[in-house]
Amino acid sequence: MTEDLSLTAEETVAAEKIFGDRLDLAKRYVEHLATSGIERGLLGPREVPRLWSRHVLNCAVIEEVMDKDAEVADVGSGAGLPGLCLAIARPDLKLTLIEPLERRCIWLSEVIEDLGLTNVTVMRGRAEQMVDVVNARYVTARAVSALTNLAGLTIPLLHGQGELIAIKGRSAAEEIAKATKAIRKLGGKEAEVLTVGETILAEPTTVVRIKVG
């Protein structure tokens, strides 16, 4: 593994806590991100030194808000963030990665096969095309769209019961305020900003959680 991909002491503690005995799988996933992921344009080369801190750990830590054995749909999965991170950290979860671009779907499928993950399915298409085929307990999204638009893409996949867990930045509360009307119209009962991973990450993850039903 190149020096850029090695974990700091603090990241190692967090990674061991999140991934446990599947940490080697997470490391292999990071190698894919740093090589073919960059080559095929899923991530920019500047992201390599911060793949662990900014991307993989930042995404994987949201597993702590998910119930055991749940079905999870990851919308706009791209490089598998957070979908593949969750699949590695939580083999009990059943993941559906929804991605409209064929080249990204091909890459995701290759990584899944190489890692031997059996709890993940890749579906090519837009979220709104998947409503009749996907019925999730949780829907996740990262860097897909502002919440006013994202709510309409994701909440229908819950079919009236479940939670949207959207990884967001500092503007999370502002996004909720702007999207309140849209969220209510879609059946969202409660929208809140959560900070996850505070005890193990130098920069905890901010998520918007919307409960439906």
N, C-alpha and C. Protein backbone atom coordinates (compact mmCIF):
# COMPACT_ATOMS: atom_id res chain seq x y z
N MET A 1 0.84 -1.18 0.00
CA MET A 1 0.00 0.00 0.00
C MET A 1 0.88 1.24 0.00
N THR A 2 0.53 2.24 -0.79
CA THR A 2 1.35 3.43 -0.85
C THR A 2 1.24 4.21 0.45
N GLU A 3 2.22 5.08 0.65
CA GLU A 3 2.25 5.87 1.89
C GLU A 3 1.00 6.71 2.04
N ASP A 4 0.50 7.23 0.90
CA ASP A 4 -0.70 8.07 0.90
C ASP A 4 -1.93 7.35 1.47
N LEU A 5 -1.95 6.03 1.33
CA LEU A 5 -3.13 5.26 1.75
C LEU A 5 -3.02 4.74 3.17
N SER A 6 -1.88 4.95 3.81
CA SER A 6 -1.74 4.43 5.17
C SER A 6 -2.57 5.27 6.14
N LEU A 7 -3.05 4.61 7.16
CA LEU A 7 -3.89 5.26 8.17
C LEU A 7 -3.04 5.93 9.24
N THR A 8 -3.47 7.09 9.72
CA THR A 8 -2.82 7.68 10.88
C THR A 8 -3.23 6.86 12.11
N ALA A 9 -2.58 7.09 13.23
CA ALA A 9 -2.92 6.35 14.45
C ALA A 9 -4.38 6.57 14.83
N GLU A 10 -4.82 7.82 14.71
CA GLU A 10 -6.21 8.14 15.06
C GLU A 10 -7.20 7.49 14.10
N GLU A 11 -6.86 7.50 12.81
CA GLU A 11 -7.72 6.86 11.81
C GLU A 11 -7.78 5.35 12.01
N THR A 12 -6.65 4.76 12.42
CA THR A 12 -6.61 3.32 12.66
C THR A 12 -7.58 2.92 13.77
N VAL A 13 -7.60 3.69 14.84
CA VAL A 13 -8.52 3.42 15.95
C VAL A 13 -9.96 3.47 15.46
N ALA A 14 -10.28 4.52 14.69
CA ALA A 14 -11.64 4.67 14.17
C ALA A 14 -11.99 3.55 13.20
N ALA A 15 -11.06 3.23 12.30
CA ALA A 15 -11.31 2.19 11.30
C ALA A 15 -11.51 0.82 11.94
N GLU A 16 -10.72 0.52 12.97
CA GLU A 16 -10.87 -0.76 13.67
C GLU A 16 -12.21 -0.83 14.37
N LYS A 17 -12.65 0.28 14.92
CA LYS A 17 -13.94 0.30 15.62
C LYS A 17 -15.11 0.12 14.64
N ILE A 18 -15.00 0.78 13.48
CA ILE A 18 -16.08 0.73 12.51
C ILE A 18 -16.08 -0.58 11.72
N PHE A 19 -14.92 -1.01 11.25
CA PHE A 19 -14.86 -2.16 10.34
C PHE A 19 -14.53 -3.49 11.03
N GLY A 20 -13.93 -3.43 12.22
CA GLY A 20 -13.62 -4.66 12.95
C GLY A 20 -12.76 -5.61 12.13
N ASP A 21 -13.18 -6.87 12.07
CA ASP A 21 -12.38 -7.87 11.36
C ASP A 21 -12.50 -7.76 9.84
N ARG A 22 -13.24 -6.76 9.36
CA ARG A 22 -13.36 -6.53 7.92
C ARG A 22 -12.53 -5.32 7.46
N LEU A 23 -11.60 -4.90 8.32
CA LEU A 23 -10.76 -3.75 7.99
C LEU A 23 -9.92 -4.00 6.74
N ASP A 24 -9.45 -5.24 6.54
CA ASP A 24 -8.67 -5.54 5.34
C ASP A 24 -9.50 -5.32 4.07
N LEU A 25 -10.80 -5.62 4.14
CA LEU A 25 -11.69 -5.36 3.00
C LEU A 25 -11.78 -3.86 2.73
N ALA A 26 -11.90 -3.09 3.81
CA ALA A 26 -11.97 -1.63 3.67
C ALA A 26 -10.69 -1.09 3.04
N LYS A 27 -9.54 -1.66 3.44
CA LYS A 27 -8.26 -1.22 2.87
C LYS A 27 -8.19 -1.54 1.37
N ARG A 28 -8.72 -2.69 1.00
CA ARG A 28 -8.72 -3.06 -0.42
C ARG A 28 -9.64 -2.13 -1.22
N TYR A 29 -10.76 -1.77 -0.61
CA TYR A 29 -11.68 -0.83 -1.24
C TYR A 29 -10.98 0.52 -1.47
N VAL A 30 -10.25 0.99 -0.47
CA VAL A 30 -9.52 2.25 -0.59
C VAL A 30 -8.47 2.17 -1.70
N GLU A 31 -7.84 1.01 -1.85
CA GLU A 31 -6.88 0.82 -2.95
C GLU A 31 -7.58 0.95 -4.30
N HIS A 32 -8.78 0.38 -4.40
CA HIS A 32 -9.56 0.54 -5.64
C HIS A 32 -9.87 2.01 -5.91
N LEU A 33 -10.29 2.72 -4.87
CA LEU A 33 -10.59 4.16 -5.02
C LEU A 33 -9.37 4.92 -5.52
N ALA A 34 -8.21 4.59 -4.95
CA ALA A 34 -6.97 5.34 -5.25
C ALA A 34 -6.38 4.99 -6.61
N THR A 35 -6.79 3.87 -7.18
CA THR A 35 -6.22 3.45 -8.47
C THR A 35 -7.27 3.58 -9.58
N SER A 36 -8.06 2.55 -9.77
CA SER A 36 -9.05 2.57 -10.86
C SER A 36 -10.12 3.64 -10.63
N GLY A 37 -10.42 3.95 -9.38
CA GLY A 37 -11.41 5.00 -9.10
C GLY A 37 -10.97 6.36 -9.62
N ILE A 38 -9.68 6.65 -9.45
CA ILE A 38 -9.11 7.91 -9.96
C ILE A 38 -8.99 7.84 -11.48
N GLU A 39 -8.47 6.70 -11.98
CA GLU A 39 -8.25 6.54 -13.42
C GLU A 39 -9.55 6.72 -14.21
N ARG A 40 -10.65 6.27 -13.63
CA ARG A 40 -11.93 6.33 -14.36
C ARG A 40 -12.77 7.56 -13.99
N GLY A 41 -12.16 8.45 -13.25
CA GLY A 41 -12.81 9.73 -13.00
C GLY A 41 -13.89 9.74 -11.94
N LEU A 42 -13.90 8.72 -11.06
CA LEU A 42 -14.91 8.71 -10.00
C LEU A 42 -14.53 9.66 -8.87
N LEU A 43 -13.24 9.89 -8.72
CA LEU A 43 -12.71 10.83 -7.72
C LEU A 43 -11.54 11.58 -8.34
N GLY A 44 -11.25 12.76 -7.82
CA GLY A 44 -10.09 13.51 -8.30
C GLY A 44 -8.83 13.04 -7.62
N PRO A 45 -7.67 13.13 -8.29
CA PRO A 45 -6.40 12.66 -7.72
C PRO A 45 -6.02 13.35 -6.41
N ARG A 46 -6.50 14.57 -6.23
CA ARG A 46 -6.19 15.29 -4.98
C ARG A 46 -6.83 14.65 -3.75
N GLU A 47 -7.81 13.79 -3.97
CA GLU A 47 -8.53 13.16 -2.85
C GLU A 47 -7.74 12.01 -2.23
N VAL A 48 -6.71 11.53 -2.92
CA VAL A 48 -6.00 10.33 -2.45
C VAL A 48 -5.49 10.45 -1.00
N PRO A 49 -4.81 11.54 -0.61
CA PRO A 49 -4.30 11.60 0.77
C PRO A 49 -5.41 11.63 1.84
N ARG A 50 -6.62 11.98 1.44
CA ARG A 50 -7.69 12.06 2.45
C ARG A 50 -8.83 11.07 2.19
N LEU A 51 -8.52 9.99 1.47
CA LEU A 51 -9.56 8.98 1.19
C LEU A 51 -10.15 8.42 2.48
N TRP A 52 -9.28 8.14 3.45
CA TRP A 52 -9.78 7.58 4.72
C TRP A 52 -10.59 8.61 5.50
N SER A 53 -9.97 9.74 5.78
CA SER A 53 -10.61 10.71 6.69
C SER A 53 -11.84 11.37 6.10
N ARG A 54 -11.71 11.84 4.87
CA ARG A 54 -12.79 12.64 4.30
C ARG A 54 -13.89 11.80 3.66
N HIS A 55 -13.53 10.62 3.19
CA HIS A 55 -14.48 9.83 2.43
C HIS A 55 -14.94 8.55 3.15
N VAL A 56 -14.03 7.61 3.34
CA VAL A 56 -14.45 6.28 3.81
C VAL A 56 -14.93 6.28 5.26
N LEU A 57 -14.14 6.82 6.17
CA LEU A 57 -14.57 6.85 7.57
C LEU A 57 -15.76 7.78 7.76
N ASN A 58 -15.72 8.90 7.07
CA ASN A 58 -16.80 9.88 7.11
C ASN A 58 -18.14 9.26 6.71
N CYS A 59 -18.10 8.35 5.73
CA CYS A 59 -19.32 7.68 5.27
C CYS A 59 -19.70 6.49 6.14
N ALA A 60 -18.70 5.66 6.44
CA ALA A 60 -18.98 4.40 7.14
C ALA A 60 -19.57 4.60 8.52
N VAL A 61 -19.22 5.71 9.17
CA VAL A 61 -19.65 5.94 10.54
C VAL A 61 -21.17 6.09 10.66
N ILE A 62 -21.87 6.36 9.57
CA ILE A 62 -23.33 6.49 9.66
C ILE A 62 -24.01 5.15 9.94
N GLU A 63 -23.23 4.07 9.88
CA GLU A 63 -23.82 2.75 10.20
C GLU A 63 -24.37 2.71 11.63
N GLU A 64 -23.84 3.59 12.49
CA GLU A 64 -24.27 3.54 13.89
C GLU A 64 -25.72 3.97 14.11
N VAL A 65 -26.34 4.59 13.11
CA VAL A 65 -27.75 5.00 13.27
C VAL A 65 -28.70 4.03 12.58
N MET A 66 -28.18 2.88 12.12
CA MET A 66 -29.01 1.93 11.38
C MET A 66 -29.26 0.64 12.16
N ASP A 67 -30.52 0.20 12.12
CA ASP A 67 -30.90 -1.04 12.80
C ASP A 67 -30.29 -2.26 12.10
N LYS A 68 -30.23 -3.35 12.83
CA LYS A 68 -29.68 -4.60 12.30
C LYS A 68 -30.57 -5.15 11.18
N ASP A 69 -29.92 -5.78 10.21
CA ASP A 69 -30.59 -6.50 9.11
C ASP A 69 -31.49 -5.62 8.24
N ALA A 70 -31.24 -4.33 8.21
CA ALA A 70 -32.10 -3.42 7.45
C ALA A 70 -31.75 -3.41 5.96
N GLU A 71 -32.74 -3.05 5.15
CA GLU A 71 -32.52 -2.83 3.72
C GLU A 71 -32.19 -1.36 3.52
N VAL A 72 -31.12 -1.10 2.78
CA VAL A 72 -30.64 0.27 2.58
C VAL A 72 -30.48 0.53 1.09
N ALA A 73 -31.02 1.66 0.63
CA ALA A 73 -30.81 2.09 -0.75
C ALA A 73 -29.90 3.30 -0.74
N ASP A 74 -28.83 3.24 -1.54
CA ASP A 74 -27.89 4.35 -1.64
C ASP A 74 -28.09 5.03 -2.99
N VAL A 75 -28.58 6.25 -2.97
CA VAL A 75 -28.94 6.97 -4.20
C VAL A 75 -27.75 7.76 -4.72
N GLY A 76 -27.47 7.63 -6.02
CA GLY A 76 -26.33 8.31 -6.63
C GLY A 76 -25.03 7.80 -6.06
N SER A 77 -24.89 6.48 -6.06
CA SER A 77 -23.81 5.82 -5.32
C SER A 77 -22.40 6.19 -5.79
N GLY A 78 -22.25 6.48 -7.07
CA GLY A 78 -20.95 6.95 -7.57
C GLY A 78 -19.81 5.98 -7.30
N ALA A 79 -18.91 6.39 -6.42
CA ALA A 79 -17.76 5.56 -6.06
C ALA A 79 -18.06 4.65 -4.86
N GLY A 80 -19.35 4.50 -4.54
CA GLY A 80 -19.73 3.63 -3.42
C GLY A 80 -19.70 4.33 -2.08
N LEU A 81 -19.81 5.66 -2.13
CA LEU A 81 -19.80 6.46 -0.90
C LEU A 81 -21.20 7.04 -0.68
N PRO A 82 -21.93 6.58 0.34
CA PRO A 82 -21.51 5.68 1.41
C PRO A 82 -21.84 4.19 1.22
N GLY A 83 -22.49 3.82 0.11
CA GLY A 83 -23.01 2.46 -0.03
C GLY A 83 -22.04 1.33 0.23
N LEU A 84 -20.88 1.34 -0.44
CA LEU A 84 -19.92 0.26 -0.24
C LEU A 84 -19.28 0.30 1.14
N CYS A 85 -19.10 1.51 1.67
CA CYS A 85 -18.56 1.62 3.04
C CYS A 85 -19.48 0.90 4.03
N LEU A 86 -20.78 1.11 3.85
CA LEU A 86 -21.77 0.46 4.74
C LEU A 86 -21.79 -1.05 4.53
N ALA A 87 -21.69 -1.48 3.28
CA ALA A 87 -21.71 -2.91 2.99
C ALA A 87 -20.53 -3.64 3.62
N ILE A 88 -19.38 -2.95 3.66
CA ILE A 88 -18.19 -3.55 4.28
C ILE A 88 -18.30 -3.53 5.81
N ALA A 89 -18.72 -2.39 6.35
CA ALA A 89 -18.80 -2.25 7.81
C ALA A 89 -19.90 -3.12 8.42
N ARG A 90 -20.98 -3.31 7.67
CA ARG A 90 -22.15 -4.00 8.22
C ARG A 90 -22.65 -5.10 7.27
N PRO A 91 -22.07 -6.30 7.38
CA PRO A 91 -22.50 -7.39 6.50
C PRO A 91 -23.96 -7.80 6.72
N ASP A 92 -24.56 -7.36 7.84
CA ASP A 92 -25.96 -7.68 8.09
C ASP A 92 -26.91 -6.83 7.24
N LEU A 93 -26.44 -5.67 6.78
CA LEU A 93 -27.29 -4.79 5.98
C LEU A 93 -27.39 -5.31 4.55
N LYS A 94 -28.54 -5.05 3.93
CA LYS A 94 -28.72 -5.42 2.52
C LYS A 94 -28.76 -4.11 1.72
N LEU A 95 -27.73 -3.91 0.89
CA LEU A 95 -27.55 -2.65 0.18
C LEU A 95 -27.97 -2.72 -1.28
N THR A 96 -28.68 -1.70 -1.73
CA THR A 96 -28.94 -1.51 -3.16
C THR A 96 -28.30 -0.19 -3.56
N LEU A 97 -27.33 -0.26 -4.48
CA LEU A 97 -26.65 0.95 -4.94
C LEU A 97 -27.31 1.42 -6.24
N ILE A 98 -27.90 2.60 -6.20
CA ILE A 98 -28.61 3.15 -7.35
C ILE A 98 -27.73 4.21 -8.02
N GLU A 99 -27.38 3.95 -9.26
CA GLU A 99 -26.44 4.84 -9.97
C GLU A 99 -26.83 4.90 -11.44
N PRO A 100 -27.05 6.11 -11.98
CA PRO A 100 -27.49 6.22 -13.38
C PRO A 100 -26.40 6.01 -14.43
N LEU A 101 -25.13 6.27 -14.09
CA LEU A 101 -24.07 6.20 -15.09
C LEU A 101 -23.48 4.80 -15.23
N GLU A 102 -23.48 4.30 -16.45
CA GLU A 102 -23.04 2.92 -16.71
C GLU A 102 -21.60 2.67 -16.27
N ARG A 103 -20.69 3.61 -16.57
CA ARG A 103 -19.28 3.38 -16.24
C ARG A 103 -19.08 3.26 -14.73
N ARG A 104 -19.87 3.99 -13.96
CA ARG A 104 -19.79 3.88 -12.50
C ARG A 104 -20.36 2.55 -12.03
N CYS A 105 -21.44 2.12 -12.65
CA CYS A 105 -22.04 0.82 -12.29
C CYS A 105 -21.07 -0.32 -12.56
N ILE A 106 -20.37 -0.23 -13.68
CA ILE A 106 -19.38 -1.27 -14.03
C ILE A 106 -18.28 -1.29 -12.98
N TRP A 107 -17.78 -0.13 -12.61
CA TRP A 107 -16.72 -0.06 -11.59
C TRP A 107 -17.20 -0.62 -10.26
N LEU A 108 -18.39 -0.21 -9.84
CA LEU A 108 -18.95 -0.71 -8.57
C LEU A 108 -19.04 -2.24 -8.59
N SER A 109 -19.54 -2.79 -9.69
CA SER A 109 -19.70 -4.25 -9.80
C SER A 109 -18.35 -4.96 -9.73
N GLU A 110 -17.33 -4.37 -10.35
CA GLU A 110 -15.98 -4.97 -10.32
C GLU A 110 -15.43 -4.98 -8.89
N VAL A 111 -15.63 -3.89 -8.17
CA VAL A 111 -15.13 -3.80 -6.80
C VAL A 111 -15.87 -4.79 -5.90
N ILE A 112 -17.19 -4.86 -6.05
CA ILE A 112 -18.00 -5.79 -5.25
C ILE A 112 -17.53 -7.23 -5.47
N GLU A 113 -17.26 -7.56 -6.73
CA GLU A 113 -16.80 -8.93 -7.05
C GLU A 113 -15.43 -9.19 -6.44
N ASP A 114 -14.53 -8.22 -6.57
CA ASP A 114 -13.18 -8.40 -6.04
C ASP A 114 -13.20 -8.55 -4.51
N LEU A 115 -14.05 -7.79 -3.84
CA LEU A 115 -14.11 -7.86 -2.38
C LEU A 115 -14.95 -9.03 -1.87
N GLY A 116 -15.66 -9.68 -2.78
CA GLY A 116 -16.49 -10.82 -2.40
C GLY A 116 -17.69 -10.42 -1.54
N LEU A 117 -18.22 -9.23 -1.78
CA LEU A 117 -19.37 -8.77 -0.99
C LEU A 117 -20.64 -9.41 -1.53
N THR A 118 -21.40 -10.01 -0.62
CA THR A 118 -22.62 -10.71 -1.03
C THR A 118 -23.90 -9.98 -0.61
N ASN A 119 -23.74 -8.82 0.03
CA ASN A 119 -24.91 -8.09 0.54
C ASN A 119 -25.19 -6.81 -0.24
N VAL A 120 -24.67 -6.76 -1.49
CA VAL A 120 -24.83 -5.54 -2.30
C VAL A 120 -25.33 -5.86 -3.70
N THR A 121 -26.28 -5.05 -4.18
CA THR A 121 -26.76 -5.13 -5.56
C THR A 121 -26.60 -3.76 -6.19
N VAL A 122 -26.13 -3.73 -7.43
CA VAL A 122 -26.03 -2.46 -8.16
C VAL A 122 -27.19 -2.38 -9.14
N MET A 123 -27.90 -1.26 -9.14
CA MET A 123 -29.00 -1.05 -10.08
C MET A 123 -28.73 0.22 -10.86
N ARG A 124 -28.68 0.08 -12.18
CA ARG A 124 -28.43 1.25 -13.01
C ARG A 124 -29.75 1.97 -13.31
N GLY A 125 -29.79 3.24 -12.98
CA GLY A 125 -30.98 4.04 -13.25
C GLY A 125 -31.06 5.22 -12.30
N ARG A 126 -32.07 6.02 -12.50
CA ARG A 126 -32.29 7.17 -11.63
C ARG A 126 -33.20 6.74 -10.47
N ALA A 127 -33.09 7.42 -9.37
CA ALA A 127 -33.85 7.05 -8.18
C ALA A 127 -35.35 6.98 -8.45
N GLU A 128 -35.84 7.95 -9.23
CA GLU A 128 -37.29 7.99 -9.48
C GLU A 128 -37.78 6.82 -10.33
N GLN A 129 -36.85 6.15 -11.03
CA GLN A 129 -37.21 4.97 -11.82
C GLN A 129 -37.24 3.70 -10.97
N MET A 130 -36.74 3.79 -9.74
CA MET A 130 -36.58 2.61 -8.90
C MET A 130 -37.67 2.44 -7.83
N VAL A 131 -38.61 3.35 -7.81
CA VAL A 131 -39.62 3.34 -6.74
C VAL A 131 -40.40 2.02 -6.71
N ASP A 132 -40.69 1.47 -7.88
CA ASP A 132 -41.48 0.22 -7.93
C ASP A 132 -40.65 -1.03 -7.63
N VAL A 133 -39.31 -0.89 -7.66
CA VAL A 133 -38.48 -2.08 -7.42
C VAL A 133 -37.74 -2.06 -6.09
N VAL A 134 -37.60 -0.90 -5.49
CA VAL A 134 -36.85 -0.79 -4.24
C VAL A 134 -37.76 -0.35 -3.11
N ASN A 135 -37.70 -1.08 -1.99
CA ASN A 135 -38.46 -0.71 -0.80
C ASN A 135 -37.49 -0.79 0.38
N ALA A 136 -36.95 0.36 0.77
CA ALA A 136 -35.88 0.38 1.76
C ALA A 136 -36.35 0.84 3.13
N ARG A 137 -35.60 0.44 4.14
CA ARG A 137 -35.82 0.93 5.51
C ARG A 137 -35.07 2.24 5.70
N TYR A 138 -33.90 2.33 5.04
CA TYR A 138 -33.10 3.56 5.04
C TYR A 138 -32.72 3.90 3.61
N VAL A 139 -32.71 5.19 3.31
CA VAL A 139 -32.15 5.66 2.05
C VAL A 139 -31.00 6.59 2.39
N THR A 140 -29.85 6.39 1.75
CA THR A 140 -28.68 7.24 2.00
C THR A 140 -28.32 8.01 0.73
N ALA A 141 -27.65 9.13 0.93
CA ALA A 141 -27.17 9.93 -0.21
C ALA A 141 -26.06 10.83 0.29
N ARG A 142 -25.11 11.08 -0.61
CA ARG A 142 -24.00 11.98 -0.29
C ARG A 142 -23.63 12.75 -1.55
N ALA A 143 -23.59 14.06 -1.42
CA ALA A 143 -23.20 14.94 -2.53
C ALA A 143 -24.02 14.69 -3.79
N VAL A 144 -25.32 14.46 -3.61
CA VAL A 144 -26.20 14.21 -4.76
C VAL A 144 -26.91 15.49 -5.17
N SER A 145 -27.55 16.14 -4.21
CA SER A 145 -28.36 17.31 -4.54
C SER A 145 -28.75 18.03 -3.25
N ALA A 146 -29.19 19.27 -3.38
CA ALA A 146 -29.71 20.00 -2.22
C ALA A 146 -30.97 19.29 -1.72
N LEU A 147 -31.26 19.42 -0.45
CA LEU A 147 -32.35 18.67 0.18
C LEU A 147 -33.71 18.95 -0.45
N THR A 148 -33.94 20.17 -0.94
CA THR A 148 -35.22 20.47 -1.58
C THR A 148 -35.49 19.53 -2.74
N ASN A 149 -34.44 19.18 -3.48
CA ASN A 149 -34.57 18.25 -4.60
C ASN A 149 -34.37 16.80 -4.15
N LEU A 150 -33.43 16.59 -3.24
CA LEU A 150 -33.08 15.24 -2.79
C LEU A 150 -34.26 14.53 -2.11
N ALA A 151 -35.04 15.29 -1.37
CA ALA A 151 -36.19 14.69 -0.67
C ALA A 151 -37.11 13.96 -1.65
N GLY A 152 -37.37 14.60 -2.78
CA GLY A 152 -38.25 13.99 -3.78
C GLY A 152 -37.66 12.78 -4.47
N LEU A 153 -36.32 12.71 -4.51
CA LEU A 153 -35.65 11.56 -5.14
C LEU A 153 -35.58 10.36 -4.21
N THR A 154 -35.52 10.62 -2.91
CA THR A 154 -35.21 9.56 -1.95
C THR A 154 -36.40 9.07 -1.12
N ILE A 155 -37.20 9.98 -0.61
CA ILE A 155 -38.28 9.58 0.31
C ILE A 155 -39.27 8.59 -0.32
N PRO A 156 -39.61 8.70 -1.61
CA PRO A 156 -40.52 7.70 -2.20
C PRO A 156 -40.01 6.26 -2.12
N LEU A 157 -38.67 6.08 -2.03
CA LEU A 157 -38.10 4.73 -1.94
C LEU A 157 -38.38 4.07 -0.60
N LEU A 158 -38.85 4.86 0.37
CA LEU A 158 -39.18 4.33 1.70
C LEU A 158 -40.61 3.80 1.78
N HIS A 159 -41.42 4.14 0.80
CA HIS A 159 -42.81 3.67 0.74
C HIS A 159 -43.57 3.93 2.05
N GLY A 160 -43.38 5.14 2.57
CA GLY A 160 -44.18 5.56 3.74
C GLY A 160 -43.65 5.16 5.09
N GLN A 161 -42.51 4.45 5.13
CA GLN A 161 -41.99 3.98 6.43
C GLN A 161 -40.47 3.86 6.38
N GLY A 162 -39.77 4.65 7.16
CA GLY A 162 -38.31 4.54 7.19
C GLY A 162 -37.64 5.87 7.42
N GLU A 163 -36.36 5.94 7.04
CA GLU A 163 -35.58 7.14 7.29
C GLU A 163 -34.65 7.46 6.12
N LEU A 164 -34.57 8.76 5.82
CA LEU A 164 -33.54 9.25 4.90
C LEU A 164 -32.36 9.69 5.76
N ILE A 165 -31.18 9.17 5.44
CA ILE A 165 -29.94 9.57 6.12
C ILE A 165 -29.05 10.21 5.06
N ALA A 166 -29.05 11.54 4.99
CA ALA A 166 -28.28 12.26 3.97
C ALA A 166 -27.05 12.89 4.60
N ILE A 167 -25.87 12.55 4.06
CA ILE A 167 -24.64 13.14 4.57
C ILE A 167 -24.53 14.57 4.02
N LYS A 168 -24.41 15.51 4.92
CA LYS A 168 -24.41 16.93 4.54
C LYS A 168 -23.27 17.67 5.23
N GLY A 169 -23.14 18.94 4.89
CA GLY A 169 -22.09 19.76 5.49
C GLY A 169 -22.67 20.76 6.47
N ARG A 170 -22.00 21.89 6.58
CA ARG A 170 -22.39 22.89 7.58
C ARG A 170 -23.75 23.53 7.30
N SER A 171 -24.19 23.45 6.06
CA SER A 171 -25.46 24.10 5.71
C SER A 171 -26.67 23.19 5.95
N ALA A 172 -26.48 22.10 6.69
CA ALA A 172 -27.55 21.11 6.89
C ALA A 172 -28.84 21.72 7.43
N ALA A 173 -28.73 22.51 8.50
CA ALA A 173 -29.93 23.10 9.12
C ALA A 173 -30.63 24.05 8.15
N GLU A 174 -29.84 24.79 7.40
CA GLU A 174 -30.38 25.72 6.40
C GLU A 174 -31.13 24.95 5.31
N GLU A 175 -30.56 23.81 4.89
CA GLU A 175 -31.22 22.99 3.87
C GLU A 175 -32.55 22.44 4.36
N ILE A 176 -32.59 22.03 5.62
CA ILE A 176 -33.85 21.54 6.20
C ILE A 176 -34.90 22.64 6.17
N ALA A 177 -34.51 23.84 6.58
CA ALA A 177 -35.45 24.97 6.62
C ALA A 177 -36.04 25.24 5.23
N LYS A 178 -35.20 25.19 4.21
CA LYS A 178 -35.66 25.44 2.84
C LYS A 178 -36.54 24.32 2.31
N ALA A 179 -36.31 23.11 2.79
CA ALA A 179 -37.01 21.94 2.24
C ALA A 179 -38.21 21.50 3.07
N THR A 180 -38.51 22.21 4.15
CA THR A 180 -39.57 21.77 5.08
C THR A 180 -40.88 21.44 4.38
N LYS A 181 -41.31 22.34 3.50
CA LYS A 181 -42.60 22.14 2.82
C LYS A 181 -42.57 20.87 1.96
N ALA A 182 -41.49 20.71 1.21
CA ALA A 182 -41.35 19.52 0.34
C ALA A 182 -41.30 18.24 1.17
N ILE A 183 -40.60 18.28 2.29
CA ILE A 183 -40.47 17.10 3.15
C ILE A 183 -41.84 16.69 3.69
N ARG A 184 -42.60 17.67 4.17
CA ARG A 184 -43.94 17.37 4.71
C ARG A 184 -44.87 16.80 3.64
N LYS A 185 -44.78 17.37 2.46
CA LYS A 185 -45.63 16.92 1.35
C LYS A 185 -45.34 15.46 1.00
N LEU A 186 -44.10 15.04 1.19
CA LEU A 186 -43.70 13.66 0.87
C LEU A 186 -43.92 12.69 2.03
N GLY A 187 -44.44 13.20 3.15
CA GLY A 187 -44.72 12.33 4.29
C GLY A 187 -43.66 12.32 5.36
N GLY A 188 -42.68 13.22 5.26
CA GLY A 188 -41.65 13.31 6.29
C GLY A 188 -42.23 13.91 7.56
N LYS A 189 -42.04 13.22 8.68
CA LYS A 189 -42.63 13.67 9.95
C LYS A 189 -41.66 14.50 10.78
N GLU A 190 -40.39 14.17 10.66
CA GLU A 190 -39.40 14.78 11.56
C GLU A 190 -38.07 14.89 10.82
N ALA A 191 -37.52 16.09 10.78
CA ALA A 191 -36.21 16.29 10.14
C ALA A 191 -35.27 16.89 11.16
N GLU A 192 -34.08 16.30 11.28
CA GLU A 192 -33.12 16.80 12.27
C GLU A 192 -31.70 16.67 11.75
N VAL A 193 -30.82 17.47 12.33
CA VAL A 193 -29.39 17.38 12.02
C VAL A 193 -28.72 16.55 13.11
N LEU A 194 -28.00 15.52 12.71
CA LEU A 194 -27.27 14.67 13.66
C LEU A 194 -25.77 14.78 13.39
N THR A 195 -25.00 14.66 14.45
CA THR A 195 -23.54 14.56 14.30
C THR A 195 -23.15 13.15 14.74
N VAL A 196 -22.56 12.39 13.83
CA VAL A 196 -22.19 11.00 14.14
C VAL A 196 -20.67 10.84 14.13
N GLY A 197 -20.20 9.93 14.96
CA GLY A 197 -18.77 9.65 15.02
C GLY A 197 -17.98 10.63 15.87
N GLU A 198 -18.66 11.37 16.73
CA GLU A 198 -17.97 12.39 17.55
C GLU A 198 -16.87 11.81 18.42
N THR A 199 -17.08 10.59 18.91
CA THR A 199 -16.10 10.02 19.84
C THR A 199 -14.89 9.40 19.13
N ILE A 200 -14.99 9.17 17.80
CA ILE A 200 -13.88 8.48 17.12
C ILE A 200 -13.28 9.23 15.94
N LEU A 201 -13.98 10.22 15.41
CA LEU A 201 -13.45 10.95 14.24
C LEU A 201 -13.01 12.35 14.62
N ALA A 202 -11.88 12.77 14.05
CA ALA A 202 -11.40 14.14 14.28
C ALA A 202 -12.42 15.15 13.74
N GLU A 203 -13.01 14.81 12.58
CA GLU A 203 -14.09 15.62 12.02
C GLU A 203 -15.32 14.74 11.90
N PRO A 204 -16.24 14.85 12.88
CA PRO A 204 -17.44 14.02 12.84
C PRO A 204 -18.28 14.30 11.60
N THR A 205 -19.17 13.38 11.30
CA THR A 205 -20.01 13.47 10.11
C THR A 205 -21.35 14.13 10.45
N THR A 206 -21.75 15.07 9.62
CA THR A 206 -23.05 15.73 9.80
C THR A 206 -24.04 15.07 8.85
N VAL A 207 -25.17 14.63 9.40
CA VAL A 207 -26.21 14.05 8.56
C VAL A 207 -27.54 14.72 8.84
N VAL A 208 -28.37 14.72 7.81
CA VAL A 208 -29.77 15.10 7.98
C VAL A 208 -30.55 13.79 8.03
N ARG A 209 -31.31 13.63 9.10
CA ARG A 209 -32.15 12.43 9.22
C ARG A 209 -33.62 12.86 9.12
N ILE A 210 -34.32 12.28 8.18
CA ILE A 210 -35.75 12.55 8.03
C ILE A 210 -36.51 11.26 8.26
N LYS A 211 -37.37 11.29 9.26
CA LYS A 211 -38.19 10.11 9.57
C LYS A 211 -39.52 10.20 8.83
N VAL A 212 -39.92 9.07 8.27
CA VAL A 212 -41.15 8.99 7.50
C VAL A 212 -42.04 7.92 8.13
N GLY A 213 -43.32 8.24 8.27
CA GLY A 213 -44.27 7.24 8.79
C GLY A 213 -44.27 7.18 10.31
